[in-house]
PDB file of N, CA and C in Angstrom:
ATOM      1  N   MET A   1      -2.220  -4.875   2.556  1.00  0.00           N
ATOM      2  CA  MET A   1      -1.235  -4.145   1.799  1.00  0.00           C
ATOM      3  C   MET A   1       0.148  -4.569   2.285  1.00  0.00           C
ATOM      4  N   ASN A   2       1.016  -4.931   1.349  1.00  0.00           N
ATOM      5  CA  ASN A   2       2.353  -5.376   1.743  1.00  0.00           C
ATOM      6  C   ASN A   2       3.342  -4.205   1.772  1.00  0.00           C
ATOM      7  N   SER A   3       4.560  -4.474   2.202  1.00  0.00           N
ATOM      8  CA  SER A   3       5.548  -3.406   2.386  1.00  0.00           C
ATOM      9  C   SER A   3       5.960  -2.760   1.064  1.00  0.00           C
ATOM     10  N   ARG A   4       5.991  -3.528  -0.001  1.00  0.00           N
ATOM     11  CA  ARG A   4       6.340  -2.966  -1.311  1.00  0.00           C
ATOM     12  C   ARG A   4       5.281  -1.966  -1.763  1.00  0.00           C
ATOM     13  N   GLN A   5       4.017  -2.304  -1.551  1.00  0.00           N
ATOM     14  CA  GLN A   5       2.933  -1.406  -1.923  1.00  0.00           C
ATOM     15  C   GLN A   5       2.956  -0.141  -1.058  1.00  0.00           C
ATOM     16  N   ARG A   6       3.238  -0.312   0.236  1.00  0.00           N
ATOM     17  CA  ARG A   6       3.345   0.860   1.125  1.00  0.00           C
ATOM     18  C   ARG A   6       4.477   1.782   0.673  1.00  0.00           C
ATOM     19  N   ALA A   7       5.614   1.205   0.336  1.00  0.00           N
ATOM     20  CA  ALA A   7       6.758   2.000  -0.117  1.00  0.00           C
ATOM     21  C   ALA A   7       6.421   2.736  -1.414  1.00  0.00           C
ATOM     22  N   TYR A   8       5.742   2.061  -2.326  1.00  0.00           N
ATOM     23  CA  TYR A   8       5.344   2.670  -3.595  1.00  0.00           C
ATOM     24  C   TYR A   8       4.410   3.853  -3.355  1.00  0.00           C
ATOM     25  N   LEU A   9       3.391   3.650  -2.525  1.00  0.00           N
ATOM     26  CA  LEU A   9       2.444   4.727  -2.235  1.00  0.00           C
ATOM     27  C   LEU A   9       3.116   5.856  -1.456  1.00  0.00           C
ATOM     28  N   GLY A  10       4.009   5.507  -0.544  1.00  0.00           N
ATOM     29  CA  GLY A  10       4.743   6.526   0.206  1.00  0.00           C
ATOM     30  C   GLY A  10       5.600   7.395  -0.702  1.00  0.00           C
ATOM     31  N   SER A  11       6.239   6.764  -1.694  1.00  0.00           N
ATOM     32  CA  SER A  11       7.065   7.535  -2.627  1.00  0.00           C
ATOM     33  C   SER A  11       6.202   8.438  -3.504  1.00  0.00           C
ATOM     34  N   MET A  12       4.997   7.988  -3.836  1.00  0.00           N
ATOM     35  CA  MET A  12       4.083   8.827  -4.617  1.00  0.00           C
ATOM     36  C   MET A  12       3.636  10.045  -3.809  1.00  0.00           C
ATOM     37  N   ALA A  13       3.513   9.882  -2.509  1.00  0.00           N
ATOM     38  CA  ALA A  13       2.982  10.949  -1.660  1.00  0.00           C
ATOM     39  C   ALA A  13       4.046  11.940  -1.194  1.00  0.00           C
ATOM     40  N   THR A  14       5.320  11.668  -1.435  1.00  0.00           N
ATOM     41  CA  THR A  14       6.357  12.568  -0.930  1.00  0.00           C
ATOM     42  C   THR A  14       6.239  13.974  -1.506  1.00  0.00           C
ATOM     43  N   ASN A  15       5.837  14.109  -2.745  1.00  0.00           N
ATOM     44  CA  ASN A  15       5.738  15.421  -3.370  1.00  0.00           C
ATOM     45  C   ASN A  15       4.354  16.050  -3.207  1.00  0.00           C
ATOM     46  N   MET A  16       3.442  15.334  -2.579  1.00  0.00           N
ATOM     47  CA  MET A  16       2.089  15.854  -2.379  1.00  0.00           C
ATOM     48  C   MET A  16       2.057  16.831  -1.208  1.00  0.00           C
ATOM     49  N   ASP A  17       1.161  17.795  -1.300  1.00  0.00           N
ATOM     50  CA  ASP A  17       0.903  18.675  -0.164  1.00  0.00           C
ATOM     51  C   ASP A  17      -0.228  18.075   0.653  1.00  0.00           C
ATOM     52  N   ALA A  18      -0.217  18.376   1.944  1.00  0.00           N
ATOM     53  CA  ALA A  18      -1.308  17.917   2.810  1.00  0.00           C
ATOM     54  C   ALA A  18      -2.577  18.680   2.418  1.00  0.00           C
ATOM     55  N   ILE A  19      -3.662  17.952   2.153  1.00  0.00           N
ATOM     56  CA  ILE A  19      -4.890  18.628   1.734  1.00  0.00           C
ATOM     57  C   ILE A  19      -5.821  18.889   2.907  1.00  0.00           C
ATOM     58  N   PHE A  20      -5.530  18.309   4.066  1.00  0.00           N
ATOM     59  CA  PHE A  20      -6.322  18.555   5.270  1.00  0.00           C
ATOM     60  C   PHE A  20      -5.385  18.783   6.442  1.00  0.00           C
ATOM     61  N   GLN A  21      -5.846  19.616   7.380  1.00  0.00           N
ATOM     62  CA  GLN A  21      -5.114  19.849   8.611  1.00  0.00           C
ATOM     63  C   GLN A  21      -6.064  19.605   9.775  1.00  0.00           C
ATOM     64  N   ILE A  22      -5.594  18.866  10.740  1.00  0.00           N
ATOM     65  CA  ILE A  22      -6.405  18.564  11.920  1.00  0.00           C
ATOM     66  C   ILE A  22      -5.884  19.410  13.070  1.00  0.00           C
ATOM     67  N   GLY A  23      -6.764  20.218  13.639  1.00  0.00           N
ATOM     68  CA  GLY A  23      -6.367  21.156  14.682  1.00  0.00           C
ATOM     69  C   GLY A  23      -6.858  20.743  16.053  1.00  0.00           C
ATOM     70  N   LYS A  24      -7.085  21.741  16.915  1.00  0.00           N
ATOM     71  CA  LYS A  24      -7.414  21.452  18.311  1.00  0.00           C
ATOM     72  C   LYS A  24      -8.773  20.788  18.482  1.00  0.00           C
ATOM     73  N   ALA A  25      -9.675  20.907  17.498  1.00  0.00           N
ATOM     74  CA  ALA A  25     -10.976  20.234  17.579  1.00  0.00           C
ATOM     75  C   ALA A  25     -10.840  18.738  17.289  1.00  0.00           C
ATOM     76  N   SER A  26      -9.664  18.316  16.852  1.00  0.00           N
ATOM     77  CA  SER A  26      -9.366  16.934  16.508  1.00  0.00           C
ATOM     78  C   SER A  26     -10.292  16.438  15.400  1.00  0.00           C
ATOM     79  N   LEU A  27     -10.785  15.221  15.507  1.00  0.00           N
ATOM     80  CA  LEU A  27     -11.613  14.645  14.434  1.00  0.00           C
ATOM     81  C   LEU A  27     -13.080  14.994  14.647  1.00  0.00           C
ATOM     82  N   THR A  28     -13.620  15.755  13.729  1.00  0.00           N
ATOM     83  CA  THR A  28     -15.052  16.059  13.762  1.00  0.00           C
ATOM     84  C   THR A  28     -15.726  15.256  12.667  1.00  0.00           C
ATOM     85  N   PRO A  29     -17.021  15.038  12.752  1.00  0.00           N
ATOM     86  CA  PRO A  29     -17.719  14.313  11.684  1.00  0.00           C
ATOM     87  C   PRO A  29     -17.567  14.985  10.318  1.00  0.00           C
ATOM     88  N   GLU A  30     -17.460  16.311  10.303  1.00  0.00           N
ATOM     89  CA  GLU A  30     -17.296  17.031   9.040  1.00  0.00           C
ATOM     90  C   GLU A  30     -15.954  16.717   8.387  1.00  0.00           C
ATOM     91  N   ILE A  31     -14.914  16.639   9.201  1.00  0.00           N
ATOM     92  CA  ILE A  31     -13.591  16.314   8.666  1.00  0.00           C
ATOM     93  C   ILE A  31     -13.574  14.890   8.129  1.00  0.00           C
ATOM     94  N   VAL A  32     -14.173  13.971   8.861  1.00  0.00           N
ATOM     95  CA  VAL A  32     -14.219  12.567   8.414  1.00  0.00           C
ATOM     96  C   VAL A  32     -14.964  12.466   7.090  1.00  0.00           C
ATOM     97  N   GLU A  33     -16.071  13.186   6.953  1.00  0.00           N
ATOM     98  CA  GLU A  33     -16.843  13.167   5.704  1.00  0.00           C
ATOM     99  C   GLU A  33     -16.027  13.744   4.551  1.00  0.00           C
ATOM    100  N   ALA A  34     -15.323  14.846   4.801  1.00  0.00           N
ATOM    101  CA  ALA A  34     -14.495  15.455   3.765  1.00  0.00           C
ATOM    102  C   ALA A  34     -13.340  14.538   3.361  1.00  0.00           C
ATOM    103  N   LEU A  35     -12.727  13.862   4.338  1.00  0.00           N
ATOM    104  CA  LEU A  35     -11.659  12.908   4.038  1.00  0.00           C
ATOM    105  C   LEU A  35     -12.183  11.750   3.205  1.00  0.00           C
ATOM    106  N   ASP A  36     -13.381  11.286   3.528  1.00  0.00           N
ATOM    107  CA  ASP A  36     -14.009  10.190   2.786  1.00  0.00           C
ATOM    108  C   ASP A  36     -14.214  10.590   1.328  1.00  0.00           C
ATOM    109  N   GLN A  37     -14.713  11.789   1.097  1.00  0.00           N
ATOM    110  CA  GLN A  37     -14.935  12.262  -0.268  1.00  0.00           C
ATOM    111  C   GLN A  37     -13.616  12.446  -1.018  1.00  0.00           C
ATOM    112  N   ALA A  38     -12.595  12.962  -0.331  1.00  0.00           N
ATOM    113  CA  ALA A  38     -11.291  13.147  -0.963  1.00  0.00           C
ATOM    114  C   ALA A  38     -10.667  11.808  -1.349  1.00  0.00           C
ATOM    115  N   LEU A  39     -10.815  10.807  -0.496  1.00  0.00           N
ATOM    116  CA  LEU A  39     -10.287   9.475  -0.811  1.00  0.00           C
ATOM    117  C   LEU A  39     -10.993   8.877  -2.016  1.00  0.00           C
ATOM    118  N   GLU A  40     -12.282   9.131  -2.146  1.00  0.00           N
ATOM    119  CA  GLU A  40     -13.029   8.596  -3.285  1.00  0.00           C
ATOM    120  C   GLU A  40     -12.541   9.215  -4.598  1.00  0.00           C
ATOM    121  N   LYS A  41     -12.180  10.490  -4.556  1.00  0.00           N
ATOM    122  CA  LYS A  41     -11.729  11.176  -5.773  1.00  0.00           C
ATOM    123  C   LYS A  41     -10.257  10.964  -6.074  1.00  0.00           C
ATOM    124  N   ARG A  42      -9.418  10.962  -5.026  1.00  0.00           N
ATOM    125  CA  ARG A  42      -7.968  10.963  -5.235  1.00  0.00           C
ATOM    126  C   ARG A  42      -7.279   9.639  -4.973  1.00  0.00           C
ATOM    127  N   GLU A  43      -7.860   8.776  -4.192  1.00  0.00           N
ATOM    128  CA  GLU A  43      -7.291   7.488  -3.773  1.00  0.00           C
ATOM    129  C   GLU A  43      -6.184   7.627  -2.736  1.00  0.00           C
ATOM    130  N   LEU A  44      -5.290   8.594  -2.906  1.00  0.00           N
ATOM    131  CA  LEU A  44      -4.136   8.771  -2.021  1.00  0.00           C
ATOM    132  C   LEU A  44      -4.148  10.208  -1.511  1.00  0.00           C
ATOM    133  N   ILE A  45      -4.185  10.383  -0.189  1.00  0.00           N
ATOM    134  CA  ILE A  45      -4.201  11.734   0.373  1.00  0.00           C
ATOM    135  C   ILE A  45      -3.202  11.849   1.516  1.00  0.00           C
ATOM    136  N   LYS A  46      -2.782  13.083   1.771  1.00  0.00           N
ATOM    137  CA  LYS A  46      -1.879  13.374   2.875  1.00  0.00           C
ATOM    138  C   LYS A  46      -2.598  14.346   3.810  1.00  0.00           C
ATOM    139  N   VAL A  47      -2.489  14.077   5.108  1.00  0.00           N
ATOM    140  CA  VAL A  47      -3.136  14.888   6.135  1.00  0.00           C
ATOM    141  C   VAL A  47      -2.076  15.281   7.153  1.00  0.00           C
ATOM    142  N   SER A  48      -2.150  16.515   7.637  1.00  0.00           N
ATOM    143  CA  SER A  48      -1.211  16.931   8.681  1.00  0.00           C
ATOM    144  C   SER A  48      -1.967  17.263   9.958  1.00  0.00           C
ATOM    145  N   VAL A  49      -1.287  17.082  11.079  1.00  0.00           N
ATOM    146  CA  VAL A  49      -1.841  17.396  12.390  1.00  0.00           C
ATOM    147  C   VAL A  49      -1.118  18.646  12.884  1.00  0.00           C
ATOM    148  N   LEU A  50      -1.883  19.655  13.240  1.00  0.00           N
ATOM    149  CA  LEU A  50      -1.291  20.907  13.708  1.00  0.00           C
ATOM    150  C   LEU A  50      -0.742  20.755  15.124  1.00  0.00           C
ATOM    151  N   LYS A  51       0.127  21.670  15.510  1.00  0.00           N
ATOM    152  CA  LYS A  51       0.762  21.602  16.831  1.00  0.00           C
ATOM    153  C   LYS A  51      -0.230  21.776  17.973  1.00  0.00           C
ATOM    154  N   ASN A  52      -1.349  22.471  17.722  1.00  0.00           N
ATOM    155  CA  ASN A  52      -2.304  22.711  18.807  1.00  0.00           C
ATOM    156  C   ASN A  52      -3.253  21.529  19.041  1.00  0.00           C
ATOM    157  N   CYS A  53      -3.090  20.452  18.314  1.00  0.00           N
ATOM    158  CA  CYS A  53      -3.892  19.241  18.517  1.00  0.00           C
ATOM    159  C   CYS A  53      -3.198  18.384  19.581  1.00  0.00           C
ATOM    160  N   ALA A  54      -3.936  18.055  20.630  1.00  0.00           N
ATOM    161  CA  ALA A  54      -3.353  17.315  21.754  1.00  0.00           C
ATOM    162  C   ALA A  54      -3.293  15.805  21.511  1.00  0.00           C
ATOM    163  N   ASP A  55      -4.026  15.305  20.526  1.00  0.00           N
ATOM    164  CA  ASP A  55      -4.095  13.863  20.289  1.00  0.00           C
ATOM    165  C   ASP A  55      -2.858  13.351  19.551  1.00  0.00           C
ATOM    166  N   ASP A  56      -2.569  12.066  19.746  1.00  0.00           N
ATOM    167  CA  ASP A  56      -1.435  11.412  19.096  1.00  0.00           C
ATOM    168  C   ASP A  56      -1.759  11.175  17.617  1.00  0.00           C
ATOM    169  N   PRO A  57      -0.858  11.563  16.697  1.00  0.00           N
ATOM    170  CA  PRO A  57      -1.115  11.368  15.264  1.00  0.00           C
ATOM    171  C   PRO A  57      -1.379   9.914  14.873  1.00  0.00           C
ATOM    172  N   ARG A  58      -0.737   8.961  15.535  1.00  0.00           N
ATOM    173  CA  ARG A  58      -0.968   7.543  15.201  1.00  0.00           C
ATOM    174  C   ARG A  58      -2.385   7.115  15.577  1.00  0.00           C
ATOM    175  N   GLU A  59      -2.870   7.590  16.718  1.00  0.00           N
ATOM    176  CA  GLU A  59      -4.249   7.269  17.117  1.00  0.00           C
ATOM    177  C   GLU A  59      -5.250   7.917  16.177  1.00  0.00           C
ATOM    178  N   ILE A  60      -4.982   9.161  15.775  1.00  0.00           N
ATOM    179  CA  ILE A  60      -5.858   9.851  14.828  1.00  0.00           C
ATOM    180  C   ILE A  60      -5.878   9.095  13.502  1.00  0.00           C
ATOM    181  N   ALA A  61      -4.704   8.641  13.064  1.00  0.00           N
ATOM    182  CA  ALA A  61      -4.616   7.905  11.796  1.00  0.00           C
ATOM    183  C   ALA A  61      -5.450   6.626  11.844  1.00  0.00           C
ATOM    184  N   GLU A  62      -5.382   5.903  12.943  1.00  0.00           N
ATOM    185  CA  GLU A  62      -6.167   4.671  13.075  1.00  0.00           C
ATOM    186  C   GLU A  62      -7.671   4.963  13.053  1.00  0.00           C
ATOM    187  N   MET A  63      -8.076   6.048  13.718  1.00  0.00           N
ATOM    188  CA  MET A  63      -9.500   6.414  13.723  1.00  0.00           C
ATOM    189  C   MET A  63      -9.971   6.819  12.332  1.00  0.00           C
ATOM    190  N   ILE A  64      -9.147   7.584  11.616  1.00  0.00           N
ATOM    191  CA  ILE A  64      -9.511   7.993  10.259  1.00  0.00           C
ATOM    192  C   ILE A  64      -9.631   6.771   9.355  1.00  0.00           C
ATOM    193  N   ALA A  65      -8.669   5.867   9.447  1.00  0.00           N
ATOM    194  CA  ALA A  65      -8.693   4.659   8.614  1.00  0.00           C
ATOM    195  C   ALA A  65      -9.944   3.831   8.890  1.00  0.00           C
ATOM    196  N   GLU A  66     -10.303   3.713  10.154  1.00  0.00           N
ATOM    197  CA  GLU A  66     -11.482   2.929  10.526  1.00  0.00           C
ATOM    198  C   GLU A  66     -12.766   3.581  10.014  1.00  0.00           C
ATOM    199  N   ARG A  67     -12.863   4.897  10.178  1.00  0.00           N
ATOM    200  CA  ARG A  67     -14.097   5.600   9.808  1.00  0.00           C
ATOM    201  C   ARG A  67     -14.258   5.803   8.309  1.00  0.00           C
ATOM    202  N   THR A  68     -13.161   5.850   7.569  1.00  0.00           N
ATOM    203  CA  THR A  68     -13.249   6.042   6.120  1.00  0.00           C
ATOM    204  C   THR A  68     -13.029   4.741   5.345  1.00  0.00           C
ATOM    205  N   ARG A  69     -12.803   3.637   6.055  1.00  0.00           N
ATOM    206  CA  ARG A  69     -12.524   2.340   5.440  1.00  0.00           C
ATOM    207  C   ARG A  69     -11.332   2.437   4.476  1.00  0.00           C
ATOM    208  N   SER A  70     -10.292   3.122   4.932  1.00  0.00           N
ATOM    209  CA  SER A  70      -9.074   3.273   4.141  1.00  0.00           C
ATOM    210  C   SER A  70      -7.918   2.587   4.869  1.00  0.00           C
ATOM    211  N   GLN A  71      -6.736   2.687   4.294  1.00  0.00           N
ATOM    212  CA  GLN A  71      -5.560   2.088   4.910  1.00  0.00           C
ATOM    213  C   GLN A  71      -4.526   3.176   5.187  1.00  0.00           C
ATOM    214  N   VAL A  72      -3.884   3.065   6.337  1.00  0.00           N
ATOM    215  CA  VAL A  72      -2.808   3.994   6.677  1.00  0.00           C
ATOM    216  C   VAL A  72      -1.557   3.513   5.947  1.00  0.00           C
ATOM    217  N   VAL A  73      -1.008   4.373   5.092  1.00  0.00           N
ATOM    218  CA  VAL A  73       0.226   4.026   4.386  1.00  0.00           C
ATOM    219  C   VAL A  73       1.412   4.320   5.292  1.00  0.00           C
ATOM    220  N   LYS A  74       1.456   5.544   5.849  1.00  0.00           N
ATOM    221  CA  LYS A  74       2.556   5.956   6.719  1.00  0.00           C
ATOM    222  C   LYS A  74       2.084   7.022   7.680  1.00  0.00           C
ATOM    223  N   VAL A  75       2.719   7.054   8.831  1.00  0.00           N
ATOM    224  CA  VAL A  75       2.593   8.181   9.755  1.00  0.00           C
ATOM    225  C   VAL A  75       4.020   8.590  10.090  1.00  0.00           C
ATOM    226  N   ILE A  76       4.389   9.789   9.661  1.00  0.00           N
ATOM    227  CA  ILE A  76       5.731  10.293   9.930  1.00  0.00           C
ATOM    228  C   ILE A  76       5.572  11.619  10.656  1.00  0.00           C
ATOM    229  N   GLY A  77       5.929  11.624  11.923  1.00  0.00           N
ATOM    230  CA  GLY A  77       5.773  12.835  12.713  1.00  0.00           C
ATOM    231  C   GLY A  77       4.308  13.233  12.780  1.00  0.00           C
ATOM    232  N   LYS A  78       3.983  14.381  12.233  1.00  0.00           N
ATOM    233  CA  LYS A  78       2.605  14.872  12.247  1.00  0.00           C
ATOM    234  C   LYS A  78       1.954  14.778  10.869  1.00  0.00           C
ATOM    235  N   LYS A  79       2.551  14.023   9.959  1.00  0.00           N
ATOM    236  CA  LYS A  79       1.990  13.811   8.612  1.00  0.00           C
ATOM    237  C   LYS A  79       1.488  12.378   8.501  1.00  0.00           C
ATOM    238  N   MET A  80       0.314  12.230   7.876  1.00  0.00           N
ATOM    239  CA  MET A  80      -0.286  10.906   7.693  1.00  0.00           C
ATOM    240  C   MET A  80      -0.661  10.740   6.229  1.00  0.00           C
ATOM    241  N   ILE A  81      -0.487   9.534   5.707  1.00  0.00           N
ATOM    242  CA  ILE A  81      -0.829   9.231   4.327  1.00  0.00           C
ATOM    243  C   ILE A  81      -1.834   8.088   4.335  1.00  0.00           C
ATOM    244  N   PHE A  82      -2.928   8.266   3.576  1.00  0.00           N
ATOM    245  CA  PHE A  82      -3.996   7.276   3.507  1.00  0.00           C
ATOM    246  C   PHE A  82      -4.246   6.869   2.065  1.00  0.00           C
ATOM    247  N   TYR A  83      -4.657   5.608   1.901  1.00  0.00           N
ATOM    248  CA  TYR A  83      -4.994   5.079   0.574  1.00  0.00           C
ATOM    249  C   TYR A  83      -6.279   4.275   0.666  1.00  0.00           C
ATOM    250  N   ARG A  84      -7.127   4.454  -0.337  1.00  0.00           N
ATOM    251  CA  ARG A  84      -8.308   3.613  -0.466  1.00  0.00           C
ATOM    252  C   ARG A  84      -8.554   3.376  -1.945  1.00  0.00           C
ATOM    253  N   GLN A  85      -8.645   2.108  -2.323  1.00  0.00           N
ATOM    254  CA  GLN A  85      -8.910   1.759  -3.712  1.00  0.00           C
ATOM    255  C   GLN A  85     -10.370   2.057  -4.019  1.00  0.00           C
ATOM    256  N   PRO A  86     -10.637   2.761  -5.124  1.00  0.00           N
ATOM    257  CA  PRO A  86     -12.026   3.095  -5.452  1.00  0.00           C
ATOM    258  C   PRO A  86     -12.797   1.873  -5.941  1.00  0.00           C
ATOM    259  N   LYS A  87     -14.113   1.997  -5.916  1.00  0.00           N
ATOM    260  CA  LYS A  87     -14.958   0.888  -6.351  1.00  0.00           C
ATOM    261  C   LYS A  87     -14.823   0.628  -7.843  1.00  0.00           C
ATOM    262  N   LYS A  88     -14.648   1.712  -8.625  1.00  0.00           N
ATOM    263  CA  LYS A  88     -14.463   1.540 -10.064  1.00  0.00           C
ATOM    264  C   LYS A  88     -13.415   2.509 -10.587  1.00  0.00           C
ATOM    265  N   ASN A  89     -12.770   2.123 -11.649  1.00  0.00           N
ATOM    266  CA  ASN A  89     -11.743   2.916 -12.334  1.00  0.00           C
ATOM    267  C   ASN A  89     -10.595   3.384 -11.430  1.00  0.00           C
ATOM    268  N   PRO A  90      -9.805   2.460 -10.867  1.00  0.00           N
ATOM    269  CA  PRO A  90      -8.668   2.896 -10.049  1.00  0.00           C
ATOM    270  C   PRO A  90      -7.614   3.620 -10.904  1.00  0.00           C
ATOM    271  N   LYS A  91      -7.082   4.716 -10.373  1.00  0.00           N
ATOM    272  CA  LYS A  91      -6.059   5.495 -11.079  1.00  0.00           C
ATOM    273  C   LYS A  91      -4.654   4.981 -10.751  1.00  0.00           C
ATOM    274  N   ILE A  92      -4.488   4.465  -9.535  1.00  0.00           N
ATOM    275  CA  ILE A  92      -3.176   4.014  -9.071  1.00  0.00           C
ATOM    276  C   ILE A  92      -3.093   2.498  -9.211  1.00  0.00           C
ATOM    277  N   LYS A  93      -2.063   2.034  -9.924  1.00  0.00           N
ATOM    278  CA  LYS A  93      -1.838   0.599 -10.081  1.00  0.00           C
ATOM    279  C   LYS A  93      -0.764   0.181  -9.082  1.00  0.00           C
ATOM    280  N   LEU A  94      -1.172  -0.635  -8.113  1.00  0.00           N
ATOM    281  CA  LEU A  94      -0.252  -1.096  -7.079  1.00  0.00           C
ATOM    282  C   LEU A  94       0.615  -2.243  -7.592  1.00  0.00           C
ATOM    283  N   PRO A  95       1.901  -2.283  -7.209  1.00  0.00           N
ATOM    284  CA  PRO A  95       2.735  -3.434  -7.567  1.00  0.00           C
ATOM    285  C   PRO A  95       2.299  -4.677  -6.793  1.00  0.00           C
ATOM    286  N   GLU A  96       2.603  -5.825  -7.335  1.00  0.00           N
ATOM    287  CA  GLU A  96       2.210  -7.093  -6.672  1.00  0.00           C
ATOM    288  C   GLU A  96       3.025  -7.362  -5.455  1.00  0.00           C
TER     289      GLU A  96
END
């Protein structure tokens, strides 16, 4: 993914609400499974890390991307944005 595509996806996600929150339990298999399903349906999701989570948001983002086979668009503070192109019928058309 190039910088233009990241900027495009980041601008799309600015008005989105975080659909998942990661707390003190950090990444559980249930959260990873739910994120995987959300990415399949929505393509672009926003996740927030709560203050009681001791882990670094950038490390959490890398683990989520690896486990869900998605790409990290941005990590800003405690907010993370992920994108994964679906196998069929993509809703989001990325710029070249």
